[in-house]
């Protein structure tokens, strides 16, 4: 028992383990995540509906979205942005790891007569012959990737964009990093049965990595016949750091905003948005 508790509370190296599939492809947790996506009144898996409406209106205006605009929405979930942009006449491709979310998005598009291409795959390995005017990665998905994965992702974006095409994504700020605290928590059915429909004991260890500006929420879920660990990594940025990553991948950063609705940049805000262009 003691060695197992030691393992549960062990601090790994930054981004040492990657377990995205545990969250997005598991039958139970993917159902929970879809429910969060579709709850229009909370900011958990997606923004609130009113914010998404405001954000899409700004995106259409900022990037001149029309019926000639090709948009790739990475981490599209159930299509909340994709569907709205399709209604603005954009030609949208949505990419997501979650089969459940993609299935919902496809059915929603069919119900509403929207022509949207949805692809169920890990967006790190997404390939297509299509080239896009605008790439989106919204809800701070970029922060969940390791430095190597981020470099790969930006390289993919650069390849997929047309000349003068844009990337819009949002990230967590250093102001948000300062608000995070290390904790160790143990609870029966942690997060109200989010991790399993069966009885389980859940451990949450939150680790902060000051030098790297990374936070890990490490969840260990112990069921009667099964133990699993999920690593939820988040990288936090300042504008200079994110600018450097884009420049190294061949982009020019045009502007920073406080969010993906075009709010004026505020260094004290918990997140910020980046608009970068492929020359």
Protein backbone atom coordinates (compact mmCIF):
# COMPACT_ATOMS: atom_id res chain seq x y z
CA UNK A 1 0.00 0.00 0.00
CA UNK A 2 2.72 2.51 0.97
CA UNK A 3 4.64 2.19 -2.33
CA UNK A 4 1.39 2.75 -4.23
CA UNK A 5 0.64 5.91 -2.23
CA UNK A 6 4.18 7.09 -2.94
CA UNK A 7 3.55 6.53 -6.65
CA UNK A 8 0.22 8.38 -6.52
CA UNK A 9 1.87 11.42 -4.92
CA UNK A 10 5.01 11.37 -7.07
CA UNK A 11 5.86 14.52 -9.05
CA UNK A 12 6.73 13.67 -12.69
CA UNK A 13 8.92 15.75 -14.95
CA UNK A 14 7.06 18.40 -17.00
CA UNK A 15 5.06 16.70 -19.76
CA UNK A 16 6.65 13.34 -18.92
CA UNK A 17 3.36 11.54 -19.56
CA UNK A 18 0.58 12.28 -22.06
CA UNK A 19 -2.86 10.78 -21.48
CA UNK A 20 -5.28 12.79 -23.63
CA UNK A 21 -7.06 9.63 -24.72
CA UNK A 22 -8.11 8.92 -21.13
CA UNK A 23 -10.25 12.04 -21.16
CA UNK A 24 -11.54 12.27 -24.71
CA UNK A 25 -11.96 8.67 -25.83
CA UNK A 26 -13.15 6.95 -22.65
CA UNK A 27 -16.83 6.09 -22.94
CA UNK A 28 -17.85 7.64 -19.63
CA UNK A 29 -15.65 10.73 -19.45
CA UNK A 30 -16.32 11.68 -23.08
CA UNK A 31 -20.03 11.67 -22.23
CA UNK A 32 -19.36 13.97 -19.27
CA UNK A 33 -17.28 16.29 -21.43
CA UNK A 34 -19.96 16.49 -24.09
CA UNK A 35 -22.50 17.47 -21.44
CA UNK A 36 -20.15 20.25 -20.29
CA UNK A 37 -19.73 21.40 -23.90
CA UNK A 38 -23.47 21.66 -24.39
CA UNK A 39 -24.22 23.46 -21.13
CA UNK A 40 -24.55 27.03 -22.40
CA UNK A 41 -24.30 28.56 -18.94
CA UNK A 42 -20.86 27.37 -17.80
CA UNK A 43 -17.24 27.86 -18.89
CA UNK A 44 -15.87 24.33 -18.54
CA UNK A 45 -15.34 22.47 -21.82
CA UNK A 46 -16.62 25.40 -23.91
CA UNK A 47 -17.36 29.07 -23.37
CA UNK A 48 -20.85 30.23 -22.55
CA UNK A 49 -23.15 30.52 -25.56
CA UNK A 50 -23.37 34.33 -25.34
CA UNK A 51 -19.57 34.62 -25.43
CA UNK A 52 -19.29 32.23 -28.39
CA UNK A 53 -21.83 34.34 -30.32
CA UNK A 54 -19.83 37.48 -29.56
CA UNK A 55 -16.58 35.72 -30.44
CA UNK A 56 -17.84 34.46 -33.79
CA UNK A 57 -19.13 37.90 -34.74
CA UNK A 58 -15.69 39.35 -34.00
CA UNK A 59 -13.90 36.56 -35.91
CA UNK A 60 -16.09 37.20 -38.96
CA UNK A 61 -15.30 40.91 -38.81
CA UNK A 62 -11.60 40.61 -37.92
CA UNK A 63 -10.75 38.06 -40.62
CA UNK A 64 -13.29 39.04 -43.26
CA UNK A 65 -15.03 35.66 -43.20
CA UNK A 66 -17.19 35.06 -46.29
CA UNK A 67 -18.31 32.22 -48.51
CA UNK A 68 -14.75 32.04 -49.89
CA UNK A 69 -13.15 31.56 -46.45
CA UNK A 70 -11.85 28.15 -45.49
CA UNK A 71 -11.61 27.62 -41.72
CA UNK A 72 -10.02 24.73 -39.80
CA UNK A 73 -11.27 24.44 -36.21
CA UNK A 74 -8.83 22.32 -34.18
CA UNK A 75 -10.43 20.83 -31.07
CA UNK A 76 -13.86 21.67 -32.44
CA UNK A 77 -15.76 19.56 -29.89
CA UNK A 78 -19.47 19.33 -30.76
CA UNK A 79 -19.14 22.09 -33.36
CA UNK A 80 -20.17 25.17 -31.39
CA UNK A 81 -17.84 27.47 -33.34
CA UNK A 82 -17.91 25.44 -36.54
CA UNK A 83 -21.70 25.56 -36.84
CA UNK A 84 -21.86 29.30 -36.20
CA UNK A 85 -19.13 29.99 -38.74
CA UNK A 86 -20.86 27.78 -41.30
CA UNK A 87 -23.99 29.88 -40.82
CA UNK A 88 -21.79 32.86 -41.75
CA UNK A 89 -21.08 31.00 -45.03
CA UNK A 90 -17.53 29.88 -44.17
CA UNK A 91 -16.31 26.52 -45.45
CA UNK A 92 -15.45 24.80 -42.18
CA UNK A 93 -13.47 21.69 -41.28
CA UNK A 94 -13.68 20.60 -37.63
CA UNK A 95 -11.10 18.26 -36.09
CA UNK A 96 -11.47 16.57 -32.72
CA UNK A 97 -10.20 13.57 -30.76
CA UNK A 98 -13.59 12.74 -29.23
CA UNK A 99 -15.72 10.40 -31.34
CA UNK A 100 -18.75 11.26 -29.21
CA UNK A 101 -18.36 15.01 -29.79
CA UNK A 102 -17.80 14.55 -33.52
CA UNK A 103 -20.87 12.33 -33.79
CA UNK A 104 -22.95 15.02 -32.10
CA UNK A 105 -21.48 17.70 -34.40
CA UNK A 106 -22.23 15.68 -37.55
CA UNK A 107 -25.82 15.04 -36.48
CA UNK A 108 -26.31 18.69 -35.51
CA UNK A 109 -25.02 19.85 -38.90
CA UNK A 110 -27.36 17.45 -40.68
CA UNK A 111 -30.35 18.64 -38.62
CA UNK A 112 -29.60 22.24 -39.50
CA UNK A 113 -28.66 21.77 -43.14
CA UNK A 114 -25.05 22.88 -42.62
CA UNK A 115 -22.25 21.69 -44.87
CA UNK A 116 -19.35 21.07 -42.48
CA UNK A 117 -16.56 18.53 -42.77
CA UNK A 118 -15.83 16.86 -39.44
CA UNK A 119 -12.78 14.67 -38.86
CA UNK A 120 -12.42 12.38 -35.83
CA UNK A 121 -8.68 12.18 -35.21
CA UNK A 122 -5.89 13.36 -32.95
CA UNK A 123 -5.30 16.84 -34.33
CA UNK A 124 -1.54 16.42 -33.92
CA UNK A 125 -1.64 13.92 -36.79
CA UNK A 126 -4.32 15.59 -38.95
CA UNK A 127 -3.39 15.81 -42.64
CA UNK A 128 -5.31 17.04 -45.68
CA UNK A 129 -4.71 18.43 -49.14
CA UNK A 130 -7.00 21.37 -48.30
CA UNK A 131 -5.45 24.73 -47.52
CA UNK A 132 -7.08 27.22 -45.17
CA UNK A 133 -7.45 30.96 -44.72
CA UNK A 134 -7.92 30.69 -40.95
CA UNK A 135 -6.95 28.13 -38.31
CA UNK A 136 -8.62 28.20 -34.90
CA UNK A 137 -7.59 26.53 -31.65
CA UNK A 138 -9.88 27.88 -28.95
CA UNK A 139 -10.39 27.16 -25.24
CA UNK A 140 -6.65 27.15 -24.49
CA UNK A 141 -6.08 23.73 -26.08
CA UNK A 142 -2.59 24.88 -27.07
CA UNK A 143 -1.65 24.99 -23.38
CA UNK A 144 -2.22 21.25 -22.96
CA UNK A 145 0.59 20.43 -25.40
CA UNK A 146 4.23 19.88 -24.56
CA UNK A 147 6.90 22.11 -26.15
CA UNK A 148 7.61 19.39 -28.74
CA UNK A 149 3.90 18.98 -29.51
CA UNK A 150 3.39 22.75 -29.78
CA UNK A 151 6.23 22.99 -32.28
CA UNK A 152 4.67 20.16 -34.27
CA UNK A 153 1.25 21.81 -34.08
CA UNK A 154 2.51 25.18 -35.30
CA UNK A 155 4.41 23.44 -38.10
CA UNK A 156 1.18 21.72 -39.14
CA UNK A 157 -0.68 25.02 -39.05
CA UNK A 158 1.96 26.65 -41.24
CA UNK A 159 1.70 23.84 -43.79
CA UNK A 160 -2.12 23.90 -43.83
CA UNK A 161 -2.47 27.67 -44.23
CA UNK A 162 -2.57 29.55 -47.48
CA UNK A 163 -0.06 32.41 -47.88
CA UNK A 164 -1.21 35.31 -45.65
CA UNK A 165 -3.47 32.89 -43.74
CA UNK A 166 -4.09 33.42 -40.02
CA UNK A 167 -4.00 31.48 -36.76
CA UNK A 168 -6.20 32.49 -33.85
CA UNK A 169 -5.70 30.74 -30.53
CA UNK A 170 -5.90 31.54 -26.83
CA UNK A 171 -3.59 30.64 -23.95
CA UNK A 172 -3.42 30.97 -20.17
CA UNK A 173 -1.35 33.88 -18.88
CA UNK A 174 1.31 34.13 -16.21
CA UNK A 175 -1.22 36.07 -14.12
CA UNK A 176 -3.32 32.92 -14.13
CA UNK A 177 -0.28 30.79 -13.23
CA UNK A 178 0.31 32.90 -10.13
CA UNK A 179 -3.22 32.10 -8.95
CA UNK A 180 -2.64 28.32 -9.05
CA UNK A 181 -1.65 26.50 -5.88
CA UNK A 182 -0.25 23.06 -5.18
CA UNK A 183 -2.77 20.76 -3.49
CA UNK A 184 -3.22 17.10 -2.57
CA UNK A 185 -6.82 15.90 -2.35
CA UNK A 186 -8.51 12.55 -1.80
CA UNK A 187 -12.24 11.98 -2.17
CA UNK A 188 -14.78 9.23 -2.75
CA UNK A 189 -16.14 9.60 -6.32
CA UNK A 190 -13.98 12.69 -6.89
CA UNK A 191 -15.64 15.33 -9.11
CA UNK A 192 -19.10 13.86 -8.58
CA UNK A 193 -18.55 10.59 -10.49
CA UNK A 194 -16.94 12.35 -13.45
CA UNK A 195 -14.34 9.61 -13.88
CA UNK A 196 -16.53 6.51 -13.71
CA UNK A 197 -20.17 5.44 -13.23
CA UNK A 198 -18.87 2.92 -10.68
CA UNK A 199 -17.71 3.61 -7.16
CA UNK A 200 -14.12 4.84 -7.05
CA UNK A 201 -11.62 6.66 -4.89
CA UNK A 202 -10.02 9.67 -6.51
CA UNK A 203 -6.72 11.38 -5.77
CA UNK A 204 -5.88 14.82 -7.14
CA UNK A 205 -2.32 16.13 -6.92
CA UNK A 206 -1.69 19.58 -8.35
CA UNK A 207 1.98 20.37 -9.00
CA UNK A 208 3.44 23.73 -10.03
CA UNK A 209 6.68 23.97 -11.99
CA UNK A 210 7.94 27.49 -11.38
CA UNK A 211 10.81 27.47 -13.86
CA UNK A 212 8.78 26.07 -16.76
CA UNK A 213 5.52 27.89 -15.83
CA UNK A 214 3.62 24.62 -16.06
CA UNK A 215 0.87 23.18 -13.84
CA UNK A 216 -0.09 19.52 -13.64
CA UNK A 217 -3.40 18.24 -12.30
CA UNK A 218 -2.64 14.55 -11.74
CA UNK A 219 -5.73 12.42 -11.20
CA UNK A 220 -5.42 8.85 -9.91
CA UNK A 221 -8.66 6.90 -10.08
CA UNK A 222 -8.90 3.69 -8.05
CA UNK A 223 -11.79 1.35 -8.84
CA UNK A 224 -12.40 -2.14 -7.48
CA UNK A 225 -10.57 -3.81 -10.36
CA UNK A 226 -8.75 -0.96 -12.05
CA UNK A 227 -6.34 1.91 -11.34
CA UNK A 228 -5.52 4.64 -13.83
CA UNK A 229 -3.75 7.97 -13.83
CA UNK A 230 -4.67 10.98 -15.94
CA UNK A 231 -2.19 13.82 -16.44
CA UNK A 232 -3.74 17.19 -17.24
CA UNK A 233 -0.85 19.52 -18.16
CA UNK A 234 -1.21 23.27 -18.69
CA UNK A 235 1.48 25.60 -19.98
CA UNK A 236 1.20 29.29 -19.05
CA UNK A 237 2.62 32.04 -21.27
CA UNK A 238 3.61 35.63 -21.49
CA UNK A 239 3.35 37.41 -24.87
CA UNK A 240 7.11 37.30 -25.52
CA UNK A 241 7.26 33.53 -25.07
CA UNK A 242 4.31 32.78 -27.34
CA UNK A 243 5.64 35.25 -29.91
CA UNK A 244 8.97 33.40 -29.94
CA UNK A 245 7.27 30.04 -30.54
CA UNK A 246 5.32 31.45 -33.47
CA UNK A 247 8.31 33.21 -35.01
CA UNK A 248 10.41 30.03 -34.79
CA UNK A 249 7.66 28.26 -36.76
CA UNK A 250 7.63 30.86 -39.54
CA UNK A 251 4.78 33.12 -38.38
CA UNK A 252 4.48 36.81 -37.67
CA UNK A 253 2.37 37.72 -34.64
CA UNK A 254 0.05 40.57 -35.57
CA UNK A 255 -1.82 41.28 -32.33
CA UNK A 256 -2.64 40.16 -28.82
CA UNK A 257 -6.11 40.39 -27.27
CA UNK A 258 -7.50 39.49 -23.88
CA UNK A 259 -9.72 36.83 -25.41
CA UNK A 260 -11.04 35.47 -28.71
CA UNK A 261 -13.80 38.06 -28.85
CA UNK A 262 -11.27 40.82 -29.54
CA UNK A 263 -11.17 42.45 -26.09
CA UNK A 264 -8.25 44.82 -25.58
CA UNK A 265 -5.15 43.07 -24.26
CA UNK A 266 -4.78 43.17 -20.47
CA UNK A 267 -1.61 41.76 -18.89
CA UNK A 268 -3.55 41.06 -15.68
CA UNK A 269 -6.17 38.92 -17.39
CA UNK A 270 -6.17 35.16 -16.85
CA UNK A 271 -5.70 34.41 -20.53
CA UNK A 272 -4.98 36.13 -23.81
CA UNK A 273 -5.50 35.51 -27.49
CA UNK A 274 -2.93 35.53 -30.28
CA UNK A 275 -3.43 36.45 -33.94
CA UNK A 276 -0.53 35.27 -36.08
CA UNK A 277 -0.09 35.35 -39.85
CA UNK A 278 1.79 33.16 -42.30
CA UNK A 279 3.80 35.59 -44.48
